[in-house]
C-alpha atoms as a PDB file:
ATOM      1  CA  MET A   1     141.295 121.949 130.901  1.00  0.00           C
ATOM      2  CA  ARG A   2     142.028 125.507 131.208  1.00  0.00           C
ATOM      3  CA  ALA A   3     144.575 127.413 133.328  1.00  0.00           C
ATOM      4  CA  SER A   4     141.561 129.392 134.600  1.00  0.00           C
ATOM      5  CA  ASP A   5     140.184 126.033 135.952  1.00  0.00           C
ATOM      6  CA  SER A   6     143.115 125.631 138.207  1.00  0.00           C
ATOM      7  CA  MET A   7     142.952 126.695 142.010  1.00  0.00           C
ATOM      8  CA  THR A   8     145.476 128.119 144.361  1.00  0.00           C
ATOM      9  CA  VAL A   9     146.233 126.487 147.647  1.00  0.00           C
ATOM     10  CA  SER A  10     144.006 128.826 149.643  1.00  0.00           C
ATOM     11  CA  GLU A  11     141.345 128.679 147.105  1.00  0.00           C
ATOM     12  CA  LEU A  12     141.013 124.948 147.293  1.00  0.00           C
ATOM     13  CA  ALA A  13     141.489 124.998 150.952  1.00  0.00           C
ATOM     14  CA  ALA A  14     138.314 127.190 151.417  1.00  0.00           C
ATOM     15  CA  ALA A  15     136.609 125.233 148.807  1.00  0.00           C
ATOM     16  CA  LEU A  16     137.121 121.923 151.171  1.00  0.00           C
ATOM     17  CA  GLY A  17     136.921 123.767 154.631  1.00  0.00           C
ATOM     18  CA  VAL A  18     140.350 122.874 155.535  1.00  0.00           C
ATOM     19  CA  ARG A  19     143.718 124.887 156.292  1.00  0.00           C
ATOM     20  CA  PRO A  20     145.957 125.594 153.611  1.00  0.00           C
ATOM     21  CA  SER A  21     148.843 123.613 155.733  1.00  0.00           C
ATOM     22  CA  THR A  22     146.612 120.683 155.355  1.00  0.00           C
ATOM     23  CA  LEU A  23     146.951 120.854 151.630  1.00  0.00           C
ATOM     24  CA  ARG A  24     150.654 121.160 152.073  1.00  0.00           C
ATOM     25  CA  HIS A  25     150.698 118.079 154.423  1.00  0.00           C
ATOM     26  CA  TRP A  26     148.728 116.317 151.855  1.00  0.00           C
ATOM     27  CA  ASP A  27     151.472 117.342 149.351  1.00  0.00           C
ATOM     28  CA  LYS A  28     154.315 116.284 151.319  1.00  0.00           C
ATOM     29  CA  GLU A  29     152.802 112.991 151.717  1.00  0.00           C
ATOM     30  CA  ASP A  30     152.499 112.486 148.053  1.00  0.00           C
ATOM     31  CA  LEU A  31     148.687 112.206 148.377  1.00  0.00           C
ATOM     32  CA  VAL A  32     147.683 115.249 146.304  1.00  0.00           C
ATOM     33  CA  VAL A  33     150.681 116.949 144.630  1.00  0.00           C
ATOM     34  CA  PRO A  34     149.921 120.225 142.913  1.00  0.00           C
ATOM     35  CA  ASP A  35     151.729 121.588 139.903  1.00  0.00           C
ATOM     36  CA  ARG A  36     153.928 124.636 140.402  1.00  0.00           C
ATOM     37  CA  ASP A  37     153.543 128.119 138.714  1.00  0.00           C
ATOM     38  CA  PRO A  38     157.092 128.364 137.073  1.00  0.00           C
ATOM     39  CA  ALA A  39     157.150 131.929 137.535  1.00  0.00           C
ATOM     40  CA  ALA A  40     156.391 132.258 141.538  1.00  0.00           C
ATOM     41  CA  GLY A  41     156.801 128.613 142.451  1.00  0.00           C
ATOM     42  CA  ALA A  42     153.258 128.662 143.975  1.00  0.00           C
ATOM     43  CA  ARG A  43     151.102 125.932 144.272  1.00  0.00           C
ATOM     44  CA  ARG A  44     148.295 125.289 141.448  1.00  0.00           C
ATOM     45  CA  TYR A  45     145.748 122.566 141.566  1.00  0.00           C
ATOM     46  CA  THR A  46     144.365 121.513 138.059  1.00  0.00           C
ATOM     47  CA  PRO A  47     140.754 120.060 138.063  1.00  0.00           C
ATOM     48  CA  ALA A  48     142.074 116.574 138.321  1.00  0.00           C
ATOM     49  CA  GLN A  49     144.205 117.468 141.410  1.00  0.00           C
ATOM     50  CA  VAL A  50     141.124 119.399 143.134  1.00  0.00           C
ATOM     51  CA  ARG A  51     139.330 115.880 142.417  1.00  0.00           C
ATOM     52  CA  ASP A  52     141.945 114.080 144.133  1.00  0.00           C
ATOM     53  CA  ALA A  53     141.721 116.495 147.137  1.00  0.00           C
ATOM     54  CA  ARG A  54     138.172 115.888 147.368  1.00  0.00           C
ATOM     55  CA  ILE A  55     138.527 112.307 147.383  1.00  0.00           C
ATOM     56  CA  VAL A  56     141.426 112.521 150.235  1.00  0.00           C
ATOM     57  CA  HIS A  57     139.498 115.071 152.245  1.00  0.00           C
ATOM     58  CA  GLN A  58     136.454 112.646 152.158  1.00  0.00           C
ATOM     59  CA  LEU A  59     138.458 109.833 152.869  1.00  0.00           C
ATOM     60  CA  ARG A  60     140.199 111.496 155.649  1.00  0.00           C
ATOM     61  CA  ARG A  61     136.538 112.328 157.112  1.00  0.00           C
ATOM     62  CA  ALA A  62     135.490 108.660 157.163  1.00  0.00           C
ATOM     63  CA  GLY A  63     138.521 107.878 159.074  1.00  0.00           C
ATOM     64  CA  TYR A  64     141.435 106.657 156.638  1.00  0.00           C
ATOM     65  CA  ARG A  65     144.939 107.341 157.676  1.00  0.00           C
ATOM     66  CA  ILE A  66     147.950 108.761 155.324  1.00  0.00           C
ATOM     67  CA  GLU A  67     149.653 105.523 154.963  1.00  0.00           C
ATOM     68  CA  PRO A  68     146.771 103.593 153.382  1.00  0.00           C
ATOM     69  CA  LEU A  69     145.727 106.700 151.171  1.00  0.00           C
ATOM     70  CA  ARG A  70     149.271 106.859 149.906  1.00  0.00           C
ATOM     71  CA  ALA A  71     148.474 103.426 148.598  1.00  0.00           C
ATOM     72  CA  LEU A  72     145.122 103.734 147.385  1.00  0.00           C
ATOM     73  CA  MET A  73     145.413 106.942 145.702  1.00  0.00           C
ATOM     74  CA  PRO A  74     147.670 105.918 142.784  1.00  0.00           C
ATOM     75  CA  GLU A  75     145.404 103.135 142.449  1.00  0.00           C
ATOM     76  CA  LEU A  76     142.109 105.335 142.273  1.00  0.00           C
ATOM     77  CA  ARG A  77     144.252 107.605 139.709  1.00  0.00           C
ATOM     78  CA  SER A  78     145.246 104.806 137.328  1.00  0.00           C
ATOM     79  CA  ALA A  79     141.927 102.827 137.743  1.00  0.00           C
ATOM     80  CA  ARG A  80     141.013 101.952 133.936  1.00  0.00           C
ATOM     81  CA  ARG A  81     137.467 101.330 135.087  1.00  0.00           C
ATOM     82  CA  LEU A  82     135.210 102.488 138.040  1.00  0.00           C
ATOM     83  CA  GLU A  83     134.869  98.941 138.869  1.00  0.00           C
ATOM     84  CA  ASP A  84     138.689  99.001 140.087  1.00  0.00           C
ATOM     85  CA  ALA A  85     138.105 101.817 142.212  1.00  0.00           C
ATOM     86  CA  ALA A  86     134.947 100.437 143.709  1.00  0.00           C
ATOM     87  CA  SER A  87     137.070  97.244 144.219  1.00  0.00           C
ATOM     88  CA  ALA A  88     139.930  99.141 146.226  1.00  0.00           C
ATOM     89  CA  LEU A  89     137.278 100.441 148.224  1.00  0.00           C
ATOM     90  CA  GLU A  90     135.362  97.517 149.254  1.00  0.00           C
ATOM     91  CA  ALA A  91     138.488  95.915 150.051  1.00  0.00           C
ATOM     92  CA  ARG A  92     139.294  98.890 152.661  1.00  0.00           C
ATOM     93  CA  ASP A  93     135.693  98.817 153.886  1.00  0.00           C
ATOM     94  CA  ALA A  94     136.034  95.078 154.548  1.00  0.00           C
ATOM     95  CA  GLY A  95     139.131  95.521 156.868  1.00  0.00           C
ATOM     96  CA  ILE A  96     137.631  98.384 158.527  1.00  0.00           C
ATOM     97  CA  GLU A  97     134.228  96.099 159.183  1.00  0.00           C
ATOM     98  CA  ALA A  98     136.729  93.373 160.458  1.00  0.00           C
ATOM     99  CA  ARG A  99     138.478  95.490 162.773  1.00  0.00           C
ATOM    100  CA  SER A 100     135.222  97.040 163.921  1.00  0.00           C
ATOM    101  CA  ARG A 101     133.847  93.568 164.797  1.00  0.00           C
ATOM    102  CA  ALA A 102     137.106  92.625 166.691  1.00  0.00           C
ATOM    103  CA  LEU A 103     137.138  95.982 168.826  1.00  0.00           C
ATOM    104  CA  LEU A 104     133.207  95.195 169.617  1.00  0.00           C
ATOM    105  CA  ASP A 105     133.941  91.402 170.422  1.00  0.00           C
ATOM    106  CA  GLY A 106     136.894  92.837 172.558  1.00  0.00           C
ATOM    107  CA  ALA A 107     134.542  95.158 174.335  1.00  0.00           C
ATOM    108  CA  ALA A 108     132.155  92.569 175.062  1.00  0.00           C
ATOM    109  CA  ALA A 109     134.820  90.178 176.324  1.00  0.00           C
ATOM    110  CA  LEU A 110     136.183  92.991 178.830  1.00  0.00           C
ATOM    111  CA  GLY A 111     132.431  93.756 179.830  1.00  0.00           C
ATOM    112  CA  THR A 112     132.190  90.262 180.802  1.00  0.00           C
ATOM    113  CA  VAL A 113     135.624  90.336 182.704  1.00  0.00           C
ATOM    114  CA  LEU A 114     134.896  93.447 184.483  1.00  0.00           C
ATOM    115  CA  SER A 115     131.307  92.341 185.808  1.00  0.00           C
ATOM    116  CA  MET A 116     132.766  89.224 187.063  1.00  0.00           C
ATOM    117  CA  CYS A 117     135.455  91.440 188.997  1.00  0.00           C
ATOM    118  CA  ALA A 118     132.704  93.562 190.690  1.00  0.00           C
ATOM    119  CA  VAL A 119     130.940  90.576 192.373  1.00  0.00           C
END
């Protein structure tokens, strides 16, 4: 990797279509922690950190909250094999599916109760 491959917070924010404050928030939450320019102290994202930011961005768009991402991102970074990452994502998807089914079941039960009240 070359230093020229890195991106500033503004460049990465523009590439992702998010505000720079979003990237600063992810830094504060330890989701994507950029390097700092020693002279100016400005954030610089290496290609690996840009990849991490893209992953966080897509997962946030898919509904992942900060806390689960805080646990997931180190696993993805340290995954020795693609299967490890896929397994972590499959487990998260299974949890989302279970909650979605529970919400649908609850909505159906509520619909039944409301229809009985309308009579």
